[in-house]
Amino acid sequence: MLVVLNVDVVLEVEFTTVDVVMLEVDDVEDDVVDDVVDDVDDVVDDFARSSVSGSAGEKNVVRRRKDENDFSPLFELALRCFQTEFPNLVQIRGKGETQSWERKSQKIGRERVEVTTRTVILRPKPGAKKEELMERIRITFVSGGKIAHCLNVHCTPRRAFQPSFGADVLNFGNGKNVLVGIDFHPNSIDTSDGRSSNTRKSRSSSSSSLAKRIAREIKDKYGEKLNATTPSEKFYEDTSGYFSEEMFFARPSFTSEKGKEENFQLVLECFEAYLRGYVEILKEERGAEVEEEETTEVKEAFRRRLAEHDKWQIERDPAIKMFSKWYGEEWANAYASEVLFPLAKECDE
């Protein structure tokens, strides 16, 4: 999730790229969900009209940036990708007070800069087939003028043994402080049930090997160009295996006018490569027979793994403090527990 320690002067900014959520469709109560939008195009086009310049009627393309600090094409690219690859996903919308997580705005500082946070959550349609690959997608986009422009994406797979996907592109201080962090998060689980153990090990190993190969290929291509570096050990010293060794972490230079646009295009390409790579990982098992080995114990172990990760995140993610500064502690805590890390509470039950 996106993190800034000081909105005026960024000091050693770090972040966490995981926001793990896996809720069954039946768990979404009527008093929480008001509507499901069947056409994701509506979401993209609505966002594009308010945030991105482009010709009228232009579709299925990433529009040009409206200014040099605009990161919204990343948002549109992600949504277009998910719309194309997972057509059965629909947008979940809040009801009543919970709707405030969809869009939250506040004027910040003496210059009264407006900081707006938009959140889109996509889930399979009710009654979706068991073969559906994606359980939940959350996209958070922050547009804040001179303060921040940030994108955070998290995807949770529907099947055990497959990795989750987390991505952050963070722009602070008019592009002077930019961070990129992308990872295929491993979802290793242990069960006492020995049934189909060889098949499970094979599936887990296959997904892990493919994720590593794709991540290494992308890092080889974009690492040097985007100034890839090593994440801070201060935050990542005890991650309980929630991050992969191949996590992409970079601090691209956006200091010159030419560098800003060239590096933004490289970030866009790198981000798209990871999105396409994640789709490839999930689709690898589309034809696999998984019902036999995904016993109740496996499913429970998978959910427990996700819940523990949520718990780990909600206790450490500095983004909650950032949102508290912008929108107040009450809203930030509710947003963290209900939208960012909703499974964390299951660890306390």
Protein backbone atom coordinates (compact mmCIF):
# COMPACT_ATOMS: atom_id res chain seq x y z
CA MET A 1 0.00 0.00 0.00
CA LEU A 2 1.16 3.55 -0.60
CA VAL A 3 3.16 5.29 2.08
CA VAL A 4 4.52 8.76 2.73
CA LEU A 5 6.07 9.85 5.98
CA ASN A 6 5.72 13.57 5.33
CA VAL A 7 3.65 15.12 2.57
CA ASP A 8 5.93 18.15 2.29
CA VAL A 9 9.35 16.55 2.66
CA VAL A 10 9.64 12.85 1.86
CA LEU A 11 12.18 11.14 4.09
CA GLU A 12 13.11 7.56 3.21
CA VAL A 13 9.70 6.67 1.85
CA GLU A 14 8.84 2.99 2.02
CA PHE A 15 5.72 1.01 1.26
CA THR A 16 4.11 -2.38 1.33
CA THR A 17 2.72 -3.78 -1.87
CA VAL A 18 0.26 -6.26 -0.45
CA ASP A 19 -3.36 -5.67 0.46
CA VAL A 20 -4.69 -9.21 0.67
CA VAL A 21 -8.41 -9.82 0.61
CA MET A 22 -10.44 -12.93 -0.13
CA LEU A 23 -14.15 -12.73 0.60
CA GLU A 24 -16.69 -15.20 -0.69
CA VAL A 25 -19.49 -13.58 -2.68
CA ASP A 26 -21.93 -14.80 -0.07
CA ASP A 27 -19.99 -12.84 2.56
CA VAL A 28 -20.91 -9.51 0.97
CA GLU A 29 -23.98 -8.50 2.95
CA ASP A 30 -26.90 -6.57 1.51
CA ASP A 31 -26.32 -3.65 3.87
CA VAL A 32 -22.77 -3.28 2.55
CA VAL A 33 -23.34 -3.73 -1.16
CA ASP A 34 -25.74 -1.38 -2.83
CA ASP A 35 -25.07 -2.12 -6.45
CA VAL A 36 -22.96 -4.15 -8.84
CA VAL A 37 -21.92 -2.52 -12.09
CA ASP A 38 -21.99 -5.06 -14.91
CA ASP A 39 -20.11 -2.87 -17.38
CA VAL A 40 -16.61 -2.00 -16.21
CA ASP A 41 -16.41 0.33 -19.22
CA ASP A 42 -18.64 2.71 -17.26
CA VAL A 43 -16.06 2.87 -14.51
CA VAL A 44 -13.16 3.52 -16.86
CA ASP A 45 -14.96 6.09 -18.97
CA ASP A 46 -16.28 7.94 -15.93
CA PHE A 47 -12.77 8.09 -14.52
CA ALA A 48 -11.34 9.13 -17.88
CA ARG A 49 -13.77 12.03 -18.24
CA SER A 50 -12.82 13.41 -14.86
CA SER A 51 -9.12 12.56 -14.76
CA VAL A 52 -7.62 11.84 -18.19
CA SER A 53 -7.63 13.73 -21.46
CA GLY A 54 -8.58 11.95 -24.66
CA SER A 55 -10.73 12.14 -27.75
CA ALA A 56 -14.45 11.68 -27.39
CA GLY A 57 -15.46 8.08 -27.84
CA GLU A 58 -11.86 6.84 -27.55
CA LYS A 59 -11.86 3.36 -26.04
CA ASN A 60 -9.56 0.45 -25.28
CA VAL A 61 -6.48 2.66 -25.26
CA VAL A 62 -4.49 4.35 -22.55
CA ARG A 63 -5.07 8.07 -22.88
CA ARG A 64 -2.36 10.69 -22.76
CA ARG A 65 -1.48 12.26 -19.46
CA LYS A 66 -3.10 15.61 -18.84
CA ASP A 67 0.10 16.85 -17.21
CA GLU A 68 3.57 15.59 -16.32
CA ASN A 69 2.52 14.47 -12.83
CA ASP A 70 -0.59 12.58 -13.89
CA PHE A 71 -0.41 8.85 -13.13
CA SER A 72 -4.02 8.06 -14.02
CA PRO A 73 -3.12 6.17 -17.25
CA LEU A 74 -1.79 3.45 -14.94
CA PHE A 75 -5.24 3.20 -13.36
CA GLU A 76 -6.89 2.97 -16.75
CA LEU A 77 -4.40 0.40 -18.02
CA ALA A 78 -5.07 -1.88 -15.04
CA LEU A 79 -8.83 -1.61 -15.36
CA ARG A 80 -8.74 -2.23 -19.11
CA CYS A 81 -6.56 -5.29 -18.60
CA PHE A 82 -8.87 -6.78 -15.97
CA GLN A 83 -11.93 -5.98 -18.06
CA THR A 84 -10.51 -7.79 -21.07
CA GLU A 85 -9.03 -10.81 -19.31
CA PHE A 86 -11.74 -11.33 -16.67
CA PRO A 87 -15.06 -10.27 -18.26
CA ASN A 88 -17.11 -11.79 -15.44
CA LEU A 89 -15.82 -9.26 -12.91
CA VAL A 90 -18.20 -6.56 -11.71
CA GLN A 91 -17.73 -3.49 -9.56
CA ILE A 92 -18.85 -3.68 -5.94
CA ARG A 93 -20.23 -0.40 -4.65
CA GLY A 94 -20.75 0.75 -1.09
CA LYS A 95 -24.04 1.72 0.49
CA GLY A 96 -24.73 4.57 2.89
CA GLU A 97 -21.74 5.59 4.98
CA THR A 98 -19.58 2.79 3.57
CA GLN A 99 -19.80 4.41 0.14
CA SER A 100 -17.25 7.01 1.27
CA TRP A 101 -14.43 4.57 0.53
CA GLU A 102 -15.21 4.81 -3.19
CA ARG A 103 -14.21 8.46 -3.33
CA LYS A 104 -12.78 10.63 -0.56
CA SER A 105 -11.53 14.20 -0.96
CA GLN A 106 -10.02 16.75 1.38
CA LYS A 107 -8.13 20.02 0.97
CA ILE A 108 -4.73 19.78 2.62
CA GLY A 109 -2.21 22.31 3.94
CA ARG A 110 -1.98 26.07 3.73
CA GLU A 111 -2.31 26.00 -0.04
CA ARG A 112 -5.49 23.92 0.31
CA VAL A 113 -4.40 21.32 -2.21
CA GLU A 114 -7.21 18.86 -2.86
CA VAL A 115 -6.24 15.23 -2.31
CA THR A 116 -8.72 12.70 -3.71
CA THR A 117 -8.58 8.95 -3.12
CA ARG A 118 -10.65 6.73 -5.40
CA THR A 119 -11.12 3.01 -4.83
CA VAL A 120 -12.54 0.43 -7.21
CA ILE A 121 -13.27 -3.13 -6.08
CA LEU A 122 -14.01 -5.84 -8.64
CA ARG A 123 -15.44 -9.27 -7.83
CA PRO A 124 -16.85 -12.20 -9.82
CA LYS A 125 -20.53 -11.92 -10.65
CA PRO A 126 -22.82 -13.70 -8.17
CA GLY A 127 -23.13 -17.30 -9.25
CA ALA A 128 -19.86 -17.22 -11.20
CA LYS A 129 -18.47 -20.59 -12.23
CA LYS A 130 -15.93 -22.33 -10.04
CA GLU A 131 -13.44 -21.96 -12.88
CA GLU A 132 -13.29 -18.18 -12.32
CA LEU A 133 -9.65 -17.29 -11.69
CA MET A 134 -9.86 -14.02 -9.74
CA GLU A 135 -11.49 -13.60 -6.33
CA ARG A 136 -11.00 -9.90 -5.75
CA ILE A 137 -9.27 -6.88 -7.28
CA ARG A 138 -8.84 -3.58 -5.50
CA ILE A 139 -7.45 -0.49 -7.19
CA THR A 140 -6.70 2.62 -5.14
CA PHE A 141 -5.74 5.84 -6.91
CA VAL A 142 -4.64 9.03 -5.17
CA SER A 143 -4.63 12.34 -7.02
CA GLY A 144 -3.20 15.14 -4.94
CA GLY A 145 -1.61 17.91 -6.99
CA LYS A 146 1.76 18.86 -5.52
CA ILE A 147 1.32 16.42 -2.65
CA ALA A 148 0.96 12.98 -4.23
CA HIS A 149 -0.14 10.90 -7.20
CA CYS A 150 -0.25 7.20 -6.32
CA LEU A 151 -1.59 3.95 -7.65
CA ASN A 152 -1.99 0.76 -5.62
CA VAL A 153 -3.35 -2.47 -7.09
CA HIS A 154 -3.96 -5.73 -5.32
CA CYS A 155 -5.36 -8.96 -6.77
CA THR A 156 -6.31 -12.11 -4.88
CA PRO A 157 -6.61 -15.38 -6.82
CA ARG A 158 -9.55 -17.69 -6.29
CA ARG A 159 -7.48 -20.86 -6.15
CA ALA A 160 -5.02 -21.94 -3.50
CA PHE A 161 -1.30 -22.18 -4.30
CA GLN A 162 -1.38 -19.31 -6.77
CA PRO A 163 0.30 -15.99 -5.90
CA SER A 164 -1.44 -12.73 -5.14
CA PHE A 165 -0.41 -9.61 -7.03
CA GLY A 166 0.55 -6.28 -5.53
CA ALA A 167 1.75 -3.10 -7.24
CA ASP A 168 2.56 0.42 -6.10
CA VAL A 169 3.56 3.40 -8.21
CA LEU A 170 4.08 6.36 -5.90
CA ASN A 171 4.80 9.91 -6.97
CA PHE A 172 5.53 12.49 -4.30
CA GLY A 173 6.62 16.12 -4.64
CA ASN A 174 5.92 16.75 -8.33
CA GLY A 175 7.74 13.64 -9.41
CA LYS A 176 10.92 14.28 -7.46
CA ASN A 177 10.35 11.24 -5.26
CA VAL A 178 9.03 8.25 -7.20
CA LEU A 179 8.86 4.66 -6.03
CA VAL A 180 7.80 1.55 -7.91
CA GLY A 181 7.15 -1.74 -6.15
CA ILE A 182 5.59 -4.81 -7.79
CA ASP A 183 5.46 -8.41 -6.64
CA PHE A 184 3.86 -11.80 -7.14
CA HIS A 185 3.24 -12.62 -3.47
CA PRO A 186 3.69 -16.32 -2.64
CA ASN A 187 0.75 -18.10 -1.03
CA SER A 188 2.36 -21.22 0.37
CA ILE A 189 0.15 -23.20 2.74
CA ASP A 190 0.60 -26.28 4.90
CA THR A 191 -2.11 -28.80 5.76
CA SER A 192 -2.13 -32.05 7.70
CA ASP A 193 -4.24 -33.69 5.01
CA GLY A 194 -1.96 -35.94 2.93
CA ARG A 195 -4.50 -36.49 0.17
CA SER A 196 -3.25 -35.56 -3.31
CA SER A 197 -0.11 -34.14 -1.72
CA ASN A 198 1.96 -34.81 -4.83
CA THR A 199 -0.54 -32.95 -6.98
CA ARG A 200 -0.54 -30.02 -4.56
CA LYS A 201 3.23 -29.84 -4.52
CA SER A 202 3.25 -29.95 -8.30
CA ARG A 203 0.71 -27.10 -8.59
CA SER A 204 2.51 -24.98 -6.02
CA SER A 205 5.89 -25.58 -7.64
CA SER A 206 4.54 -24.87 -11.13
CA SER A 207 2.96 -21.52 -10.18
CA SER A 208 6.03 -20.51 -8.18
CA SER A 209 8.44 -21.37 -10.99
CA LEU A 210 6.42 -19.47 -13.58
CA ALA A 211 6.08 -16.43 -11.31
CA LYS A 212 9.82 -16.39 -10.66
CA ARG A 213 10.67 -16.71 -14.33
CA ILE A 214 8.34 -13.90 -15.38
CA ALA A 215 9.50 -11.61 -12.56
CA ARG A 216 13.16 -12.19 -13.39
CA GLU A 217 12.61 -11.53 -17.08
CA ILE A 218 10.83 -8.24 -16.35
CA LYS A 219 13.48 -7.19 -13.85
CA ASP A 220 16.25 -7.98 -16.35
CA LYS A 221 14.53 -5.79 -18.93
CA TYR A 222 13.52 -2.81 -16.77
CA GLY A 223 15.67 -2.99 -13.65
CA GLU A 224 18.62 -0.94 -14.81
CA LYS A 225 16.48 1.51 -16.79
CA LEU A 226 14.30 2.29 -13.75
CA ASN A 227 17.09 2.22 -11.17
CA ALA A 228 16.04 -0.97 -9.41
CA THR A 229 17.34 -1.26 -5.86
CA THR A 230 16.92 -3.34 -2.71
CA PRO A 231 13.99 -2.70 -0.34
CA SER A 232 14.77 -1.41 3.13
CA GLU A 233 15.66 -4.19 5.58
CA LYS A 234 14.10 -2.07 8.30
CA PHE A 235 10.63 -2.91 7.01
CA TYR A 236 11.26 -6.20 5.25
CA GLU A 237 13.44 -7.91 7.86
CA ASP A 238 10.53 -10.08 9.10
CA THR A 239 7.98 -10.57 6.34
CA SER A 240 7.02 -14.17 7.17
CA GLY A 241 7.43 -15.13 3.51
CA TYR A 242 4.73 -12.71 2.32
CA PHE A 243 7.00 -11.19 -0.33
CA SER A 244 8.96 -12.98 -3.01
CA GLU A 245 12.71 -12.71 -3.47
CA GLU A 246 12.02 -11.39 -6.99
CA MET A 247 10.05 -8.34 -5.81
CA PHE A 248 10.66 -5.37 -8.13
CA PHE A 249 11.63 -2.26 -6.18
CA ALA A 250 12.86 0.83 -8.03
CA ARG A 251 13.45 4.55 -7.63
CA PRO A 252 13.36 5.96 -11.19
CA SER A 253 14.69 9.44 -11.81
CA PHE A 254 12.05 12.02 -12.65
CA THR A 255 14.19 15.13 -12.17
CA SER A 256 14.52 16.34 -15.78
CA GLU A 257 11.58 17.13 -18.05
CA LYS A 258 12.75 14.54 -20.57
CA GLY A 259 13.38 12.00 -17.86
CA LYS A 260 9.90 12.40 -16.43
CA GLU A 261 8.12 11.40 -19.62
CA GLU A 262 10.58 8.73 -20.72
CA ASN A 263 10.62 7.06 -17.32
CA PHE A 264 6.87 7.29 -16.97
CA GLN A 265 6.52 5.37 -20.24
CA LEU A 266 9.00 2.78 -18.94
CA VAL A 267 7.03 2.47 -15.69
CA LEU A 268 3.86 2.02 -17.75
CA GLU A 269 5.50 -0.71 -19.82
CA CYS A 270 6.91 -2.46 -16.76
CA PHE A 271 3.53 -2.33 -14.99
CA GLU A 272 1.76 -3.75 -18.04
CA ALA A 273 4.32 -6.55 -18.32
CA TYR A 274 3.58 -7.54 -14.73
CA LEU A 275 -0.18 -7.41 -15.31
CA ARG A 276 0.12 -9.64 -18.38
CA GLY A 277 2.48 -11.92 -16.50
CA TYR A 278 0.02 -12.33 -13.65
CA VAL A 279 -2.76 -13.19 -16.08
CA GLU A 280 -0.48 -15.83 -17.61
CA ILE A 281 0.21 -17.33 -14.17
CA LEU A 282 -3.50 -17.60 -13.34
CA LYS A 283 -4.50 -18.97 -16.72
CA GLU A 284 -1.86 -21.68 -16.57
CA GLU A 285 -4.27 -23.77 -14.51
CA ARG A 286 -7.47 -22.91 -16.36
CA GLY A 287 -7.76 -26.44 -17.69
CA ALA A 288 -6.44 -28.16 -14.59
CA GLU A 289 -8.61 -30.46 -12.52
CA VAL A 290 -8.41 -28.81 -9.13
CA GLU A 291 -11.59 -29.86 -7.38
CA GLU A 292 -10.18 -33.08 -5.95
CA GLU A 293 -7.19 -31.60 -4.17
CA GLU A 294 -8.83 -28.36 -3.01
CA THR A 295 -10.43 -29.90 0.04
CA THR A 296 -12.11 -27.89 2.75
CA GLU A 297 -8.87 -28.02 4.72
CA VAL A 298 -6.90 -26.57 1.81
CA LYS A 299 -9.40 -23.77 1.30
CA GLU A 300 -9.41 -22.94 5.01
CA ALA A 301 -5.62 -22.96 5.12
CA PHE A 302 -5.50 -20.62 2.12
CA ARG A 303 -7.93 -18.18 3.71
CA ARG A 304 -6.00 -18.35 6.98
CA ARG A 305 -2.82 -17.50 5.10
CA LEU A 306 -4.51 -14.44 3.59
CA ALA A 307 -5.95 -13.40 6.95
CA GLU A 308 -2.57 -13.62 8.65
CA HIS A 309 -1.08 -11.51 5.91
CA ASP A 310 -3.81 -8.90 6.39
CA LYS A 311 -3.04 -8.91 10.09
CA TRP A 312 0.65 -8.42 9.43
CA GLN A 313 -0.11 -5.51 7.12
CA ILE A 314 -2.63 -3.66 9.24
CA GLU A 315 -0.17 -3.62 12.14
CA ARG A 316 2.65 -2.15 10.03
CA ASP A 317 1.38 -0.24 7.02
CA PRO A 318 2.29 3.47 7.38
CA ALA A 319 -0.32 4.35 4.74
CA ILE A 320 -2.94 4.27 7.49
CA LYS A 321 -1.18 7.18 9.19
CA MET A 322 -1.04 9.01 5.88
CA PHE A 323 -4.79 8.62 5.36
CA SER A 324 -5.34 9.68 8.97
CA LYS A 325 -3.50 12.94 8.29
CA TRP A 326 -5.53 13.57 5.17
CA TYR A 327 -9.00 12.36 6.12
CA GLY A 328 -9.04 11.83 9.85
CA GLU A 329 -8.27 8.84 12.05
CA GLU A 330 -11.80 7.43 12.11
CA TRP A 331 -12.11 7.23 8.33
CA ALA A 332 -8.57 5.89 7.90
CA ASN A 333 -9.05 3.08 10.43
CA ALA A 334 -12.38 2.08 8.90
CA TYR A 335 -10.86 2.13 5.41
CA ALA A 336 -7.97 -0.06 6.55
CA SER A 337 -10.13 -2.63 8.34
CA GLU A 338 -13.03 -2.76 5.87
CA VAL A 339 -11.36 -2.18 2.49
CA LEU A 340 -7.60 -2.67 2.65
CA PHE A 341 -7.19 -5.52 5.14
CA PRO A 342 -10.67 -6.90 5.97
CA LEU A 343 -9.51 -10.41 6.84
CA ALA A 344 -7.23 -9.22 9.63
CA LYS A 345 -10.07 -9.39 12.16
CA GLU A 346 -10.44 -13.14 11.56
CA CYS A 347 -7.09 -13.67 13.29
CA ASP A 348 -8.61 -12.26 16.50
CA GLU A 349 -11.71 -14.46 16.45
